[in-house]
C-alpha atoms as a PDB file:
ATOM      1  CA  MET A   1     -25.101  25.848 -66.233  1.00  0.00           C
ATOM      2  CA  LYS A   2     -23.686  28.012 -63.477  1.00  0.00           C
ATOM      3  CA  LEU A   3     -27.082  27.920 -61.706  1.00  0.00           C
ATOM      4  CA  LYS A   4     -27.154  24.180 -61.915  1.00  0.00           C
ATOM      5  CA  LYS A   5     -23.616  24.050 -60.412  1.00  0.00           C
ATOM      6  CA  SER A   6     -24.545  26.364 -57.792  1.00  0.00           C
ATOM      7  CA  CYS A   7     -27.751  24.548 -56.606  1.00  0.00           C
ATOM      8  CA  LEU A   8     -25.660  21.262 -56.676  1.00  0.00           C
ATOM      9  CA  LEU A   9     -22.975  22.610 -54.447  1.00  0.00           C
ATOM     10  CA  ARG A  10     -25.596  24.034 -52.103  1.00  0.00           C
ATOM     11  CA  ALA A  11     -27.407  20.635 -51.999  1.00  0.00           C
ATOM     12  CA  ILE A  12     -24.161  19.036 -51.323  1.00  0.00           C
ATOM     13  CA  LEU A  13     -23.407  21.309 -48.507  1.00  0.00           C
ATOM     14  CA  PHE A  14     -26.738  21.023 -46.963  1.00  0.00           C
ATOM     15  CA  PHE A  15     -26.498  17.239 -47.094  1.00  0.00           C
ATOM     16  CA  PHE A  16     -22.852  17.450 -45.621  1.00  0.00           C
ATOM     17  CA  LEU A  17     -24.157  19.920 -42.780  1.00  0.00           C
ATOM     18  CA  GLU A  18     -27.203  17.859 -42.211  1.00  0.00           C
ATOM     19  CA  SER A  19     -25.056  14.514 -41.714  1.00  0.00           C
ATOM     20  CA  ILE A  20     -22.992  16.302 -39.262  1.00  0.00           C
ATOM     21  CA  ALA A  21     -25.801  17.720 -37.275  1.00  0.00           C
ATOM     22  CA  ARG A  22     -27.430  14.187 -37.269  1.00  0.00           C
ATOM     23  CA  LEU A  23     -24.131  12.479 -36.301  1.00  0.00           C
ATOM     24  CA  SER A  24     -23.458  15.020 -33.426  1.00  0.00           C
ATOM     25  CA  PHE A  25     -27.110  14.535 -32.203  1.00  0.00           C
ATOM     26  CA  ALA A  26     -26.621  10.769 -32.346  1.00  0.00           C
ATOM     27  CA  ALA A  27     -23.296  11.027 -30.411  1.00  0.00           C
ATOM     28  CA  TYR A  28     -24.766  13.390 -27.851  1.00  0.00           C
ATOM     29  CA  TYR A  29     -27.970  11.126 -27.538  1.00  0.00           C
ATOM     30  CA  SER A  30     -25.906   8.004 -27.048  1.00  0.00           C
ATOM     31  CA  ASN A  31     -23.552   9.464 -24.499  1.00  0.00           C
ATOM     32  CA  THR A  32     -26.566  10.846 -22.502  1.00  0.00           C
ATOM     33  CA  ASN A  33     -28.172   7.489 -22.647  1.00  0.00           C
ATOM     34  CA  LEU A  34     -24.730   5.862 -21.636  1.00  0.00           C
ATOM     35  CA  GLN A  35     -24.587   8.152 -18.545  1.00  0.00           C
ATOM     36  CA  THR A  36     -28.333   7.497 -17.713  1.00  0.00           C
ATOM     37  CA  LEU A  37     -27.911   3.761 -18.126  1.00  0.00           C
ATOM     38  CA  SER A  38     -24.747   3.783 -15.857  1.00  0.00           C
ATOM     39  CA  GLN A  39     -26.767   5.446 -13.151  1.00  0.00           C
ATOM     40  CA  THR A  40     -30.052   3.584 -13.509  1.00  0.00           C
ATOM     41  CA  MET A  41     -28.535   0.028 -14.523  1.00  0.00           C
ATOM     42  CA  PRO A  42     -29.128  -2.590 -12.043  1.00  0.00           C
ATOM     43  CA  PRO A  43     -26.073  -3.462  -9.787  1.00  0.00           C
ATOM     44  CA  ASP A  44     -25.370  -6.851 -11.416  1.00  0.00           C
ATOM     45  CA  LYS A  45     -25.132  -5.255 -14.855  1.00  0.00           C
ATOM     46  CA  LEU A  46     -23.071  -2.391 -13.878  1.00  0.00           C
ATOM     47  CA  THR A  47     -20.825  -4.836 -11.922  1.00  0.00           C
ATOM     48  CA  SER A  48     -20.458  -6.921 -14.988  1.00  0.00           C
ATOM     49  CA  TRP A  49     -19.824  -3.850 -17.153  1.00  0.00           C
ATOM     50  CA  GLU A  50     -17.013  -2.855 -14.737  1.00  0.00           C
ATOM     51  CA  SER A  51     -15.473  -6.186 -14.817  1.00  0.00           C
ATOM     52  CA  THR A  52     -14.624  -5.703 -18.432  1.00  0.00           C
ATOM     53  CA  ARG A  53     -12.619  -2.702 -17.991  1.00  0.00           C
ATOM     54  CA  SER A  54      -8.886  -2.287 -18.795  1.00  0.00           C
ATOM     55  CA  ASN A  55      -7.185   1.024 -17.476  1.00  0.00           C
ATOM     56  CA  PHE A  56      -4.540   2.483 -15.424  1.00  0.00           C
ATOM     57  CA  TYR A  57      -5.208   3.418 -11.726  1.00  0.00           C
ATOM     58  CA  MET A  58      -3.641   4.869  -8.606  1.00  0.00           C
ATOM     59  CA  SER A  59      -4.237   4.199  -5.025  1.00  0.00           C
ATOM     60  CA  LEU A  60      -3.233   6.107  -1.809  1.00  0.00           C
ATOM     61  CA  LEU A  61      -3.649   4.386   1.471  1.00  0.00           C
ATOM     62  CA  GLY A  62      -2.742   5.087   5.168  1.00  0.00           C
ATOM     63  CA  GLY A  63      -3.617   3.650   8.649  1.00  0.00           C
ATOM     64  CA  ALA A  64      -2.333   1.868  11.665  1.00  0.00           C
ATOM     65  CA  SER A  65       0.643  -0.585  12.032  1.00  0.00           C
ATOM     66  CA  LEU A  66       0.580  -3.220  14.687  1.00  0.00           C
ATOM     67  CA  VAL A  67       3.689  -5.108  15.550  1.00  0.00           C
ATOM     68  CA  PRO A  68       3.107  -8.134  17.890  1.00  0.00           C
ATOM     69  CA  GLU A  69       5.437  -8.764  20.892  1.00  0.00           C
ATOM     70  CA  LEU A  70       8.933 -10.112  19.478  1.00  0.00           C
ATOM     71  CA  ASN A  71      11.091 -12.548  21.469  1.00  0.00           C
ATOM     72  CA  ALA A  72      14.679 -12.273  20.274  1.00  0.00           C
ATOM     73  CA  SER A  73      18.148 -13.208  21.439  1.00  0.00           C
ATOM     74  CA  ILE A  74      21.097 -10.805  21.710  1.00  0.00           C
ATOM     75  CA  LEU A  75      24.821 -11.535  21.355  1.00  0.00           C
ATOM     76  CA  PHE A  76      27.295  -9.320  23.027  1.00  0.00           C
ATOM     77  CA  TYR A  77      30.526  -9.124  20.988  1.00  0.00           C
ATOM     78  CA  SER A  78      32.711  -8.009  24.000  1.00  0.00           C
ATOM     79  CA  ASP A  79      32.460 -11.437  25.689  1.00  0.00           C
ATOM     80  CA  TYR A  80      30.023 -13.455  23.420  1.00  0.00           C
ATOM     81  CA  SER A  81      27.521 -13.638  26.199  1.00  0.00           C
ATOM     82  CA  GLN A  82      23.837 -14.360  24.857  1.00  0.00           C
ATOM     83  CA  VAL A  83      20.594 -13.367  26.523  1.00  0.00           C
ATOM     84  CA  ASP A  84      16.832 -13.699  25.544  1.00  0.00           C
ATOM     85  CA  VAL A  85      15.079 -10.301  25.271  1.00  0.00           C
ATOM     86  CA  GLY A  86      11.518  -9.048  24.653  1.00  0.00           C
ATOM     87  CA  ASN A  87      10.526  -6.315  22.375  1.00  0.00           C
ATOM     88  CA  ASP A  88       7.009  -4.572  22.905  1.00  0.00           C
ATOM     89  CA  PHE A  89       5.927  -1.994  20.443  1.00  0.00           C
ATOM     90  CA  ARG A  90       3.260   0.794  20.536  1.00  0.00           C
ATOM     91  CA  THR A  91       0.645   1.224  17.738  1.00  0.00           C
ATOM     92  CA  GLY A  92       2.464   3.010  14.803  1.00  0.00           C
ATOM     93  CA  PHE A  93       1.321   4.186  11.236  1.00  0.00           C
ATOM     94  CA  ASP A  94       2.084   3.398   7.692  1.00  0.00           C
ATOM     95  CA  GLY A  95       1.325   4.739   4.376  1.00  0.00           C
ATOM     96  CA  ALA A  96       1.668   3.656   0.651  1.00  0.00           C
ATOM     97  CA  LEU A  97       1.108   4.835  -2.888  1.00  0.00           C
ATOM     98  CA  GLU A  98       0.331   2.513  -5.529  1.00  0.00           C
ATOM     99  CA  ALA A  99       0.328   2.759  -9.301  1.00  0.00           C
ATOM    100  CA  GLY A 100      -0.647   0.020 -11.897  1.00  0.00           C
ATOM    101  CA  TYR A 101      -2.985  -1.371 -14.468  1.00  0.00           C
ATOM    102  CA  ARG A 102      -6.138  -3.286 -14.247  1.00  0.00           C
ATOM    103  CA  PHE A 103      -7.120  -5.868 -16.756  1.00  0.00           C
ATOM    104  CA  HIS A 104     -10.751  -7.118 -16.200  1.00  0.00           C
ATOM    105  CA  ASN A 105     -10.820  -8.449 -12.500  1.00  0.00           C
ATOM    106  CA  PHE A 106      -7.011  -8.397 -12.089  1.00  0.00           C
ATOM    107  CA  ARG A 107      -4.681  -5.758 -11.274  1.00  0.00           C
ATOM    108  CA  THR A 108      -1.041  -5.353 -10.744  1.00  0.00           C
ATOM    109  CA  ASP A 109       0.936  -2.506  -9.360  1.00  0.00           C
ATOM    110  CA  ILE A 110       4.047  -1.098  -7.939  1.00  0.00           C
ATOM    111  CA  GLU A 111       3.874   0.047  -4.424  1.00  0.00           C
ATOM    112  CA  VAL A 112       5.900   2.370  -2.433  1.00  0.00           C
ATOM    113  CA  GLY A 113       5.171   2.466   1.275  1.00  0.00           C
ATOM    114  CA  TYR A 114       6.527   3.343   4.940  1.00  0.00           C
ATOM    115  CA  VAL A 115       5.882   1.777   8.137  1.00  0.00           C
ATOM    116  CA  SER A 116       6.864   3.156  11.527  1.00  0.00           C
ATOM    117  CA  ASN A 117       6.538   1.632  15.234  1.00  0.00           C
ATOM    118  CA  SER A 118       8.177   2.959  18.508  1.00  0.00           C
ATOM    119  CA  GLN A 119       9.123   0.506  21.209  1.00  0.00           C
ATOM    120  CA  SER A 120       7.350   0.593  24.521  1.00  0.00           C
ATOM    121  CA  ASP A 121       9.629  -1.919  26.096  1.00  0.00           C
ATOM    122  CA  PHE A 122      12.879  -3.623  25.481  1.00  0.00           C
ATOM    123  CA  THR A 123      13.468  -6.096  28.218  1.00  0.00           C
ATOM    124  CA  ILE A 124      17.113  -7.060  28.928  1.00  0.00           C
ATOM    125  CA  PRO A 125      17.736  -9.687  31.909  1.00  0.00           C
ATOM    126  CA  SER A 126      19.547  -8.136  34.918  1.00  0.00           C
ATOM    127  CA  GLY A 127      23.147  -8.919  34.963  1.00  0.00           C
ATOM    128  CA  ALA A 128      23.607  -8.428  31.323  1.00  0.00           C
ATOM    129  CA  GLN A 129      26.392  -6.042  29.995  1.00  0.00           C
ATOM    130  CA  GLU A 130      23.676  -3.432  29.037  1.00  0.00           C
ATOM    131  CA  SER A 131      20.539  -2.843  30.951  1.00  0.00           C
ATOM    132  CA  GLY A 132      17.620  -0.477  31.125  1.00  0.00           C
ATOM    133  CA  PHE A 133      15.585   0.872  28.447  1.00  0.00           C
ATOM    134  CA  LYS A 134      14.509   4.555  27.405  1.00  0.00           C
ATOM    135  CA  SER A 135      13.129   4.661  24.018  1.00  0.00           C
ATOM    136  CA  GLY A 136      13.380   2.866  20.670  1.00  0.00           C
ATOM    137  CA  TYR A 137      11.700   2.547  17.251  1.00  0.00           C
ATOM    138  CA  VAL A 138      11.632   0.489  14.043  1.00  0.00           C
ATOM    139  CA  ASP A 139      10.778   1.953  10.873  1.00  0.00           C
ATOM    140  CA  GLY A 140      11.211   1.136   7.124  1.00  0.00           C
ATOM    141  CA  ALA A 141      10.616   1.754   3.563  1.00  0.00           C
ATOM    142  CA  LEU A 142       8.934  -0.548   1.273  1.00  0.00           C
ATOM    143  CA  GLY A 143       9.214  -1.308  -2.403  1.00  0.00           C
ATOM    144  CA  LEU A 144       6.640  -4.168  -3.716  1.00  0.00           C
ATOM    145  CA  VAL A 145       5.047  -5.557  -6.916  1.00  0.00           C
ATOM    146  CA  ASN A 146       1.493  -6.662  -6.107  1.00  0.00           C
ATOM    147  CA  VAL A 147      -1.101  -8.747  -7.792  1.00  0.00           C
ATOM    148  CA  PHE A 148      -4.895  -8.325  -6.862  1.00  0.00           C
ATOM    149  CA  TYR A 149      -7.953  -9.868  -7.810  1.00  0.00           C
ATOM    150  CA  ASP A 150     -11.304  -8.049  -7.548  1.00  0.00           C
ATOM    151  CA  PHE A 151     -14.367 -10.207  -7.019  1.00  0.00           C
ATOM    152  CA  ASN A 152     -17.714  -9.150  -8.865  1.00  0.00           C
ATOM    153  CA  ASN A 153     -20.439  -8.236  -6.586  1.00  0.00           C
ATOM    154  CA  PRO A 154     -23.964  -6.788  -7.555  1.00  0.00           C
ATOM    155  CA  GLU A 155     -24.198  -4.525  -4.415  1.00  0.00           C
ATOM    156  CA  GLY A 156     -21.622  -1.893  -5.442  1.00  0.00           C
ATOM    157  CA  PHE A 157     -18.825  -2.935  -3.287  1.00  0.00           C
ATOM    158  CA  TYR A 158     -16.373  -5.630  -4.144  1.00  0.00           C
ATOM    159  CA  PRO A 159     -13.882  -7.767  -1.921  1.00  0.00           C
ATOM    160  CA  TYR A 160     -10.393  -8.358  -3.211  1.00  0.00           C
ATOM    161  CA  LEU A 161      -7.293 -10.455  -2.631  1.00  0.00           C
ATOM    162  CA  GLY A 162      -3.719  -9.563  -3.073  1.00  0.00           C
ATOM    163  CA  LEU A 163      -0.088 -10.916  -2.770  1.00  0.00           C
ATOM    164  CA  GLY A 164       2.981  -8.953  -3.213  1.00  0.00           C
ATOM    165  CA  TYR A 165       6.799  -9.395  -3.243  1.00  0.00           C
ATOM    166  CA  GLY A 166       9.531  -6.736  -2.678  1.00  0.00           C
ATOM    167  CA  ALA A 167      12.318  -5.352  -0.517  1.00  0.00           C
ATOM    168  CA  PHE A 168      12.175  -3.869   2.902  1.00  0.00           C
ATOM    169  CA  LEU A 169      14.665  -1.452   4.351  1.00  0.00           C
ATOM    170  CA  ARG A 170      14.457  -1.207   8.132  1.00  0.00           C
ATOM    171  CA  ASN A 171      16.002   1.161  10.501  1.00  0.00           C
ATOM    172  CA  PHE A 172      16.365   0.168  14.213  1.00  0.00           C
ATOM    173  CA  SER A 173      17.085   2.529  17.252  1.00  0.00           C
ATOM    174  CA  LEU A 174      17.518   1.795  20.828  1.00  0.00           C
ATOM    175  CA  VAL A 175      18.387   4.079  23.737  1.00  0.00           C
ATOM    176  CA  THR A 176      19.352   2.386  26.871  1.00  0.00           C
ATOM    177  CA  GLY A 177      20.038   3.946  30.409  1.00  0.00           C
ATOM    178  CA  GLN A 178      17.643   6.354  32.366  1.00  0.00           C
ATOM    179  CA  ASN A 179      20.348   8.994  33.140  1.00  0.00           C
ATOM    180  CA  PRO A 180      22.181  11.068  30.610  1.00  0.00           C
ATOM    181  CA  GLN A 181      25.651   9.611  32.024  1.00  0.00           C
ATOM    182  CA  ASN A 182      24.994   6.284  31.129  1.00  0.00           C
ATOM    183  CA  GLN A 183      22.856   6.478  28.015  1.00  0.00           C
ATOM    184  CA  HIS A 184      23.651   4.694  24.858  1.00  0.00           C
ATOM    185  CA  ASN A 185      22.067   5.064  21.385  1.00  0.00           C
ATOM    186  CA  TYR A 186      22.071   2.160  19.504  1.00  0.00           C
ATOM    187  CA  THR A 187      21.319   2.120  15.640  1.00  0.00           C
ATOM    188  CA  ALA A 188      21.037  -0.515  13.002  1.00  0.00           C
ATOM    189  CA  SER A 189      19.769  -1.081   9.413  1.00  0.00           C
ATOM    190  CA  LYS A 190      18.811  -4.154   7.411  1.00  0.00           C
ATOM    191  CA  THR A 191      17.399  -4.801   3.960  1.00  0.00           C
ATOM    192  CA  THR A 192      15.533  -8.135   3.610  1.00  0.00           C
ATOM    193  CA  TRP A 193      12.811  -9.405   1.098  1.00  0.00           C
ATOM    194  CA  VAL A 194       9.244  -9.079   2.247  1.00  0.00           C
ATOM    195  CA  VAL A 195       6.025 -10.819   1.179  1.00  0.00           C
ATOM    196  CA  GLN A 196       2.690  -8.859   1.731  1.00  0.00           C
ATOM    197  CA  GLY A 197      -0.768 -10.582   1.767  1.00  0.00           C
ATOM    198  CA  THR A 198      -3.761  -8.407   1.545  1.00  0.00           C
ATOM    199  CA  LEU A 199      -7.575  -9.052   2.232  1.00  0.00           C
ATOM    200  CA  GLY A 200      -9.646  -5.867   1.330  1.00  0.00           C
ATOM    201  CA  MET A 201     -13.169  -4.330   0.484  1.00  0.00           C
ATOM    202  CA  GLY A 202     -13.728  -1.659  -2.336  1.00  0.00           C
ATOM    203  CA  PHE A 203     -16.626   0.537  -2.435  1.00  0.00           C
ATOM    204  CA  LYS A 204     -17.589   2.154  -5.613  1.00  0.00           C
ATOM    205  CA  ILE A 205     -18.634   5.860  -5.694  1.00  0.00           C
ATOM    206  CA  ASN A 206     -18.617   5.914  -9.595  1.00  0.00           C
ATOM    207  CA  ARG A 207     -16.647   4.519 -12.489  1.00  0.00           C
ATOM    208  CA  ASN A 208     -13.566   6.363 -11.665  1.00  0.00           C
ATOM    209  CA  PHE A 209     -13.426   6.693  -8.054  1.00  0.00           C
ATOM    210  CA  SER A 210     -13.639   4.012  -5.010  1.00  0.00           C
ATOM    211  CA  PHE A 211     -12.854   3.951  -1.386  1.00  0.00           C
ATOM    212  CA  VAL A 212     -10.842   0.913  -0.061  1.00  0.00           C
ATOM    213  CA  LEU A 213     -10.450  -0.477   3.270  1.00  0.00           C
ATOM    214  CA  ASP A 214      -8.075  -3.425   3.766  1.00  0.00           C
ATOM    215  CA  TYR A 215      -5.748  -5.476   6.055  1.00  0.00           C
ATOM    216  CA  ARG A 216      -2.365  -6.294   4.984  1.00  0.00           C
ATOM    217  CA  HIS A 217       0.295  -8.609   6.673  1.00  0.00           C
ATOM    218  CA  LEU A 218       3.929  -8.343   6.155  1.00  0.00           C
ATOM    219  CA  PHE A 219       6.064 -11.519   6.295  1.00  0.00           C
ATOM    220  CA  VAL A 220       9.707 -10.790   6.849  1.00  0.00           C
ATOM    221  CA  PRO A 221      12.432 -13.318   7.356  1.00  0.00           C
ATOM    222  CA  THR A 222      14.234 -13.717  10.926  1.00  0.00           C
ATOM    223  CA  VAL A 223      17.474 -11.950  10.548  1.00  0.00           C
ATOM    224  CA  SER A 224      20.529 -10.947  12.443  1.00  0.00           C
ATOM    225  CA  VAL A 225      20.825  -7.396  13.142  1.00  0.00           C
ATOM    226  CA  LYS A 226      24.006  -5.685  14.613  1.00  0.00           C
ATOM    227  CA  TYR A 227      23.598  -2.683  16.763  1.00  0.00           C
ATOM    228  CA  THR A 228      26.323  -0.181  17.397  1.00  0.00           C
ATOM    229  CA  ASN A 229      26.594   3.029  19.367  1.00  0.00           C
ATOM    230  CA  LYS A 230      28.389   6.115  18.103  1.00  0.00           C
ATOM    231  CA  ALA A 231      31.034   5.786  20.670  1.00  0.00           C
ATOM    232  CA  GLU A 232      31.491   2.106  19.610  1.00  0.00           C
ATOM    233  CA  THR A 233      32.018   1.113  23.241  1.00  0.00           C
ATOM    234  CA  LEU A 234      29.603  -1.768  22.952  1.00  0.00           C
ATOM    235  CA  SER A 235      28.090  -3.624  20.020  1.00  0.00           C
ATOM    236  CA  PHE A 236      25.597  -6.565  19.888  1.00  0.00           C
ATOM    237  CA  SER A 237      23.571  -8.548  17.556  1.00  0.00           C
ATOM    238  CA  GLU A 238      19.941  -9.188  17.883  1.00  0.00           C
ATOM    239  CA  HIS A 239      18.380 -12.381  16.052  1.00  0.00           C
ATOM    240  CA  GLU A 240      15.164 -10.643  15.547  1.00  0.00           C
ATOM    241  CA  PRO A 241      11.803 -12.068  13.947  1.00  0.00           C
ATOM    242  CA  TYR A 242       9.447  -9.479  12.697  1.00  0.00           C
ATOM    243  CA  SER A 243       6.064  -9.101  11.148  1.00  0.00           C
ATOM    244  CA  ALA A 244       3.409  -6.300  11.039  1.00  0.00           C
ATOM    245  CA  ASN A 245      -0.290  -5.983  10.611  1.00  0.00           C
ATOM    246  CA  LEU A 246      -1.398  -3.098   8.690  1.00  0.00           C
ATOM    247  CA  PHE A 247      -5.129  -1.622   8.774  1.00  0.00           C
ATOM    248  CA  ASN A 248      -5.543   0.765   5.931  1.00  0.00           C
ATOM    249  CA  LEU A 249      -8.294   3.292   4.548  1.00  0.00           C
ATOM    250  CA  GLY A 250      -7.739   4.927   1.242  1.00  0.00           C
ATOM    251  CA  PHE A 251      -9.052   5.470  -2.224  1.00  0.00           C
ATOM    252  CA  THR A 252      -8.418   4.358  -5.793  1.00  0.00           C
ATOM    253  CA  ILE A 253      -8.782   6.703  -8.998  1.00  0.00           C
ATOM    254  CA  ASN A 254      -9.310   4.894 -12.448  1.00  0.00           C
ATOM    255  CA  PHE A 255      -8.055   6.680 -15.575  1.00  0.00           C
END
């Protein structure tokens, strides 16, 4: 009786171990085939497979910021005289970090970014209360919610479109006067809403990593910005339009 029980237990144990071995081999073989399939699968099928994904992702981008020439008007508070001015900017830089979720071809994320441009010229007509220009800049921090759509493409790269909305905190600085004796440093800050349009291209390296190249345009409302200097000897308000063209290069990691 004991012998029969021993043989039965051995048979059950053998069957159990054999089943585990078979399942392990099947899982390994399936995973190996899946990896091989993803490497050898035709691009159109791979793209279709990618388009069914749902996952979290992060993107890091950076590049150049181009601000077109801005024509604005300045109101001096001392005598309420108003003059038209021109603002020219040098090529600046920008950076952004995005974290979000992909659902098939759609993506939505939260973006935190920074944009900075120095001024190459600030033209104030002669005869105004303040004249001359030495340096200046406009920079700001962005916080947006974006929605993107990735287009399927059989060639391993994919175009995408995006639209975002959020807040933009900008800081302004102007230094007038060429000599230290008559220099005035004017500063201002303003928070406004901002709309961002995106047109880009992604390049798939593998299922978890892509390079991205995109163009983004910031739409910001025209606002009145009040400049003051530390000595408070003169303050003025600039009715200033603003827009920025961002050209970015970055990468995306899918989790």
